[in-house]
Amino acid sequence: MNEQTLTTGKKRQRLPSSNTMYEALRRAIIERALRPGDKLPEDVIGDRFGVSRTIVRSVLGRLHGEGLIDLKPNRGATVAQPTLEEAYDIFETRRSLERDVVRRLVERITPAEIKRLKDHVAREETARTQDSPDSIRLAGEFHILLAEMAGNAVTARYVNELVSRCSLILALYGRPHSSDCAVNEHLEIVAALQKGDSERAFAVMDHHLEAVTERALLTSSNHQRDIRSILDDYVK
């Protein structure tokens, strides 16, 4: 990954590229460190990452295109706040796409891919037991990994976006959910795929996504949050 460099006297300071900054901000949103409605001031982000406002605007535009942030004229950027109507539409679309993912995987998944999925779920379990924010991100990445293995790049791209937006919805409307349930449900999906049991795989995936949808209960907070301190954990 290319990075910018800045010469200061005899030292060369490495600055994050736009891709590095994009990944950091996206991860902060997915892990719910940055929550729906949080303001994203260009000057604060630029200062924290050591980049120009031009780069900040480019990255914010990219995240806006994925539905993760809102950009409003004269009001700046904020982490997106999907409406309940949008939330239902997003979950409904996601369930349709992931059924297609399961259909494809039952026919083509390999032993090596099964092992990769089991290894991923093991990482989820480790993160859960450590009460790490990584557990939220890894739970979503399990579904992205399934979509990538299904062999349809367009579907994988849309699943990636929808999973990310579902994380926002759960952060905005969701109650705290049981990571145990998520990990167990993922293991059941892998087991069904390993057996080539399409009926079971469909049923488990539908049940899993229905359970995720049902966790969307209205909870919100107007507490003012310090974006500077949040971003400190994501600047490398």
Protein backbone atom coordinates (compact mmCIF):
# COMPACT_ATOMS: atom_id res chain seq x y z
CA MET A 1 0.00 0.00 0.00
CA ASN A 2 1.44 3.36 -1.02
CA GLU A 3 1.99 5.95 1.65
CA GLN A 4 2.81 9.64 1.53
CA THR A 5 6.04 10.88 3.04
CA LEU A 6 6.85 14.19 4.63
CA THR A 7 10.44 15.42 4.98
CA THR A 8 11.22 17.19 8.24
CA GLY A 9 14.93 18.08 8.49
CA LYS A 10 16.74 14.77 8.15
CA LYS A 11 13.72 12.70 9.15
CA ARG A 12 11.05 11.34 6.86
CA GLN A 13 7.66 10.97 8.51
CA ARG A 14 5.36 8.39 6.94
CA LEU A 15 1.79 9.57 6.54
CA PRO A 16 -1.23 7.36 5.91
CA SER A 17 -2.47 7.02 2.33
CA SER A 18 -6.11 7.69 1.52
CA ASN A 19 -6.73 3.92 1.49
CA THR A 20 -5.21 3.53 4.96
CA MET A 21 -7.33 6.38 6.26
CA TYR A 22 -10.43 4.97 4.58
CA GLU A 23 -9.91 1.55 6.18
CA ALA A 24 -9.33 3.14 9.58
CA LEU A 25 -12.48 5.27 9.48
CA ARG A 26 -14.54 2.41 8.08
CA ARG A 27 -13.33 0.11 10.84
CA ALA A 28 -14.12 2.74 13.49
CA ILE A 29 -17.68 2.91 12.14
CA ILE A 30 -18.12 -0.86 11.82
CA GLU A 31 -16.78 -1.45 15.33
CA ARG A 32 -19.18 1.26 16.56
CA ALA A 33 -16.45 3.42 18.03
CA LEU A 34 -17.95 6.07 15.77
CA ARG A 35 -21.71 5.86 16.14
CA PRO A 36 -24.66 7.03 14.03
CA GLY A 37 -25.00 10.80 14.21
CA ASP A 38 -21.41 11.48 15.30
CA LYS A 39 -20.02 14.54 13.52
CA LEU A 40 -16.88 14.02 11.44
CA PRO A 41 -15.14 17.42 11.23
CA GLU A 42 -12.67 17.59 8.37
CA ASP A 43 -10.12 19.56 10.42
CA VAL A 44 -10.17 17.06 13.30
CA ILE A 45 -9.81 14.06 10.98
CA GLY A 46 -7.08 15.76 8.95
CA ASP A 47 -5.18 16.64 12.12
CA ARG A 48 -5.45 13.15 13.57
CA PHE A 49 -4.28 11.43 10.37
CA GLY A 50 -1.86 14.15 9.32
CA VAL A 51 -3.44 14.65 5.88
CA SER A 52 -4.91 17.52 3.91
CA ARG A 53 -8.61 18.36 3.77
CA THR A 54 -8.58 17.33 0.11
CA ILE A 55 -7.72 13.77 1.12
CA VAL A 56 -10.23 13.85 3.98
CA ARG A 57 -13.00 14.93 1.60
CA SER A 58 -12.07 12.19 -0.87
CA VAL A 59 -12.29 9.52 1.84
CA LEU A 60 -15.54 10.91 3.24
CA GLY A 61 -16.99 10.86 -0.26
CA ARG A 62 -16.04 7.21 -0.61
CA LEU A 63 -17.70 6.31 2.69
CA HIS A 64 -20.75 8.34 1.68
CA GLY A 65 -21.00 6.29 -1.51
CA GLU A 66 -21.18 3.15 0.63
CA GLY A 67 -23.94 4.59 2.80
CA LEU A 68 -21.78 4.78 5.93
CA ILE A 69 -21.79 8.55 6.32
CA ASP A 70 -24.12 11.42 5.45
CA LEU A 71 -22.82 14.52 3.67
CA LYS A 72 -24.99 17.63 3.81
CA PRO A 73 -24.14 21.04 2.33
CA ASN A 74 -22.97 23.53 4.95
CA ARG A 75 -23.42 20.92 7.68
CA GLY A 76 -20.46 18.65 7.03
CA ALA A 77 -20.22 14.91 7.49
CA THR A 78 -21.83 12.68 10.11
CA VAL A 79 -21.97 8.94 10.58
CA ALA A 80 -25.12 7.81 8.76
CA GLN A 81 -28.39 7.36 10.63
CA PRO A 82 -30.60 5.01 8.59
CA THR A 83 -34.33 5.40 9.14
CA LEU A 84 -36.37 2.42 10.31
CA GLU A 85 -37.85 2.12 6.83
CA GLU A 86 -34.36 2.03 5.31
CA ALA A 87 -33.32 -0.49 7.97
CA TYR A 88 -36.09 -2.92 7.04
CA ASP A 89 -35.28 -2.56 3.33
CA ILE A 90 -31.57 -3.17 3.97
CA PHE A 91 -32.19 -6.31 6.02
CA GLU A 92 -34.70 -7.64 3.49
CA THR A 93 -32.25 -7.13 0.63
CA ARG A 94 -29.43 -8.67 2.62
CA ARG A 95 -31.46 -11.79 3.36
CA SER A 96 -32.24 -12.25 -0.35
CA LEU A 97 -28.60 -11.89 -1.35
CA GLU A 98 -27.31 -14.19 1.36
CA ARG A 99 -29.76 -16.90 0.37
CA ASP A 100 -28.17 -16.79 -3.07
CA VAL A 101 -24.74 -16.95 -1.45
CA VAL A 102 -25.73 -20.09 0.45
CA ARG A 103 -27.19 -21.66 -2.70
CA ARG A 104 -23.92 -21.13 -4.55
CA LEU A 105 -21.72 -22.29 -1.68
CA VAL A 106 -23.54 -25.58 -1.13
CA GLU A 107 -22.64 -26.50 -4.71
CA ARG A 108 -19.02 -25.35 -4.74
CA ILE A 109 -17.46 -24.93 -1.29
CA THR A 110 -14.15 -26.74 -0.79
CA PRO A 111 -12.60 -28.38 2.29
CA ALA A 112 -9.99 -25.61 2.35
CA GLU A 113 -12.74 -22.98 2.45
CA ILE A 114 -14.53 -24.84 5.24
CA LYS A 115 -11.31 -24.75 7.24
CA ARG A 116 -10.92 -21.04 6.55
CA LEU A 117 -14.46 -20.41 7.80
CA LYS A 118 -13.87 -22.45 10.96
CA ASP A 119 -10.65 -20.53 11.60
CA HIS A 120 -12.55 -17.27 11.22
CA VAL A 121 -15.25 -18.36 13.67
CA ALA A 122 -12.49 -19.32 16.12
CA ARG A 123 -11.18 -15.76 15.87
CA GLU A 124 -14.71 -14.52 16.57
CA GLU A 125 -14.85 -16.67 19.69
CA THR A 126 -11.48 -15.38 20.90
CA ALA A 127 -12.56 -11.78 20.39
CA ARG A 128 -15.85 -12.48 22.18
CA THR A 129 -14.16 -13.96 25.24
CA GLN A 130 -11.81 -10.95 25.37
CA ASP A 131 -14.77 -8.55 25.04
CA SER A 132 -12.98 -6.95 22.11
CA PRO A 133 -14.63 -4.55 19.62
CA ASP A 134 -13.09 -6.81 16.98
CA SER A 135 -15.95 -9.24 17.65
CA ILE A 136 -18.43 -6.88 15.96
CA ARG A 137 -16.25 -6.47 12.89
CA LEU A 138 -15.40 -10.18 12.67
CA ALA A 139 -19.08 -11.15 12.87
CA GLY A 140 -19.77 -9.05 9.79
CA GLU A 141 -16.65 -10.24 8.00
CA PHE A 142 -17.89 -13.84 8.32
CA HIS A 143 -20.75 -12.99 5.97
CA ILE A 144 -18.48 -11.05 3.64
CA LEU A 145 -16.16 -14.05 3.50
CA LEU A 146 -19.07 -16.32 2.59
CA ALA A 147 -20.05 -13.97 -0.23
CA GLU A 148 -16.49 -13.83 -1.58
CA MET A 149 -16.30 -17.64 -1.60
CA ALA A 150 -19.55 -17.85 -3.55
CA GLY A 151 -17.72 -16.64 -6.63
CA ASN A 152 -19.92 -13.72 -7.71
CA ALA A 153 -17.99 -10.46 -7.40
CA VAL A 154 -21.08 -8.25 -7.76
CA THR A 155 -22.95 -10.09 -5.03
CA ALA A 156 -19.88 -9.96 -2.79
CA ARG A 157 -19.61 -6.19 -3.24
CA TYR A 158 -23.25 -5.63 -2.33
CA VAL A 159 -23.11 -7.99 0.65
CA ASN A 160 -20.03 -6.11 1.88
CA GLU A 161 -21.91 -2.82 1.75
CA LEU A 162 -25.10 -4.21 3.29
CA VAL A 163 -23.26 -5.89 6.17
CA SER A 164 -21.56 -2.59 6.97
CA ARG A 165 -24.84 -0.72 6.89
CA CYS A 166 -26.47 -3.36 9.11
CA SER A 167 -23.79 -2.62 11.70
CA LEU A 168 -24.91 1.02 11.67
CA ILE A 169 -28.54 -0.03 12.05
CA LEU A 170 -27.76 -2.22 15.05
CA ALA A 171 -25.70 0.56 16.60
CA LEU A 172 -28.64 2.95 16.19
CA TYR A 173 -31.63 0.72 16.93
CA GLY A 174 -30.25 -2.47 18.38
CA ARG A 175 -30.17 -3.77 21.88
CA PRO A 176 -26.96 -5.39 23.16
CA HIS A 177 -26.93 -8.85 21.59
CA SER A 178 -25.43 -12.12 22.63
CA SER A 179 -22.13 -12.81 20.91
CA ASP A 180 -22.57 -16.44 21.97
CA CYS A 181 -25.62 -16.69 19.73
CA ALA A 182 -23.81 -15.12 16.78
CA VAL A 183 -20.83 -17.47 17.07
CA ASN A 184 -23.01 -20.55 17.51
CA GLU A 185 -25.17 -19.57 14.55
CA HIS A 186 -22.09 -19.12 12.38
CA LEU A 187 -20.85 -22.56 13.39
CA GLU A 188 -24.21 -24.05 12.41
CA ILE A 189 -24.00 -22.40 8.99
CA VAL A 190 -20.51 -23.83 8.43
CA ALA A 191 -21.63 -27.30 9.54
CA ALA A 192 -24.56 -27.27 7.11
CA LEU A 193 -22.31 -26.15 4.25
CA GLN A 194 -19.77 -28.84 5.10
CA LYS A 195 -22.47 -31.51 4.85
CA GLY A 196 -23.78 -30.05 1.60
CA ASP A 197 -27.22 -29.81 3.23
CA SER A 198 -28.82 -26.96 1.29
CA GLU A 199 -32.16 -27.12 3.14
CA ARG A 200 -30.44 -26.90 6.52
CA ALA A 201 -28.06 -24.17 5.32
CA PHE A 202 -30.99 -22.05 4.06
CA ALA A 203 -32.90 -22.56 7.31
CA VAL A 204 -29.95 -21.68 9.55
CA MET A 205 -29.03 -18.58 7.54
CA ASP A 206 -32.65 -17.37 7.51
CA HIS A 207 -32.95 -17.95 11.26
CA HIS A 208 -29.64 -16.19 11.88
CA LEU A 209 -30.51 -13.08 9.86
CA GLU A 210 -34.02 -13.02 11.33
CA ALA A 211 -32.48 -13.06 14.81
CA VAL A 212 -30.15 -10.20 13.86
CA THR A 213 -33.11 -8.22 12.51
CA GLU A 214 -35.11 -8.80 15.68
CA ARG A 215 -32.30 -7.25 17.71
CA ALA A 216 -33.17 -3.89 16.16
CA LEU A 217 -34.98 -2.13 19.00
CA LEU A 218 -35.05 1.64 19.32
CA THR A 219 -32.29 2.87 21.61
CA SER A 220 -30.42 6.11 21.17
CA SER A 221 -28.23 8.59 23.00
CA ASN A 222 -27.62 12.29 22.51
CA HIS A 223 -24.45 12.24 24.59
CA GLN A 224 -21.72 14.45 23.07
CA ARG A 225 -18.74 12.29 22.09
CA ASP A 226 -15.07 13.24 21.67
CA ILE A 227 -14.17 12.34 18.07
CA ARG A 228 -10.50 13.22 18.66
CA SER A 229 -10.00 10.57 21.32
CA ILE A 230 -11.96 7.99 19.33
CA LEU A 231 -9.80 8.45 16.24
CA ASP A 232 -6.59 8.12 18.27
CA ASP A 233 -7.19 4.36 18.43
CA TYR A 234 -7.45 4.12 14.64
CA VAL A 235 -4.46 6.22 13.57
CA LYS A 236 -1.50 3.97 12.86
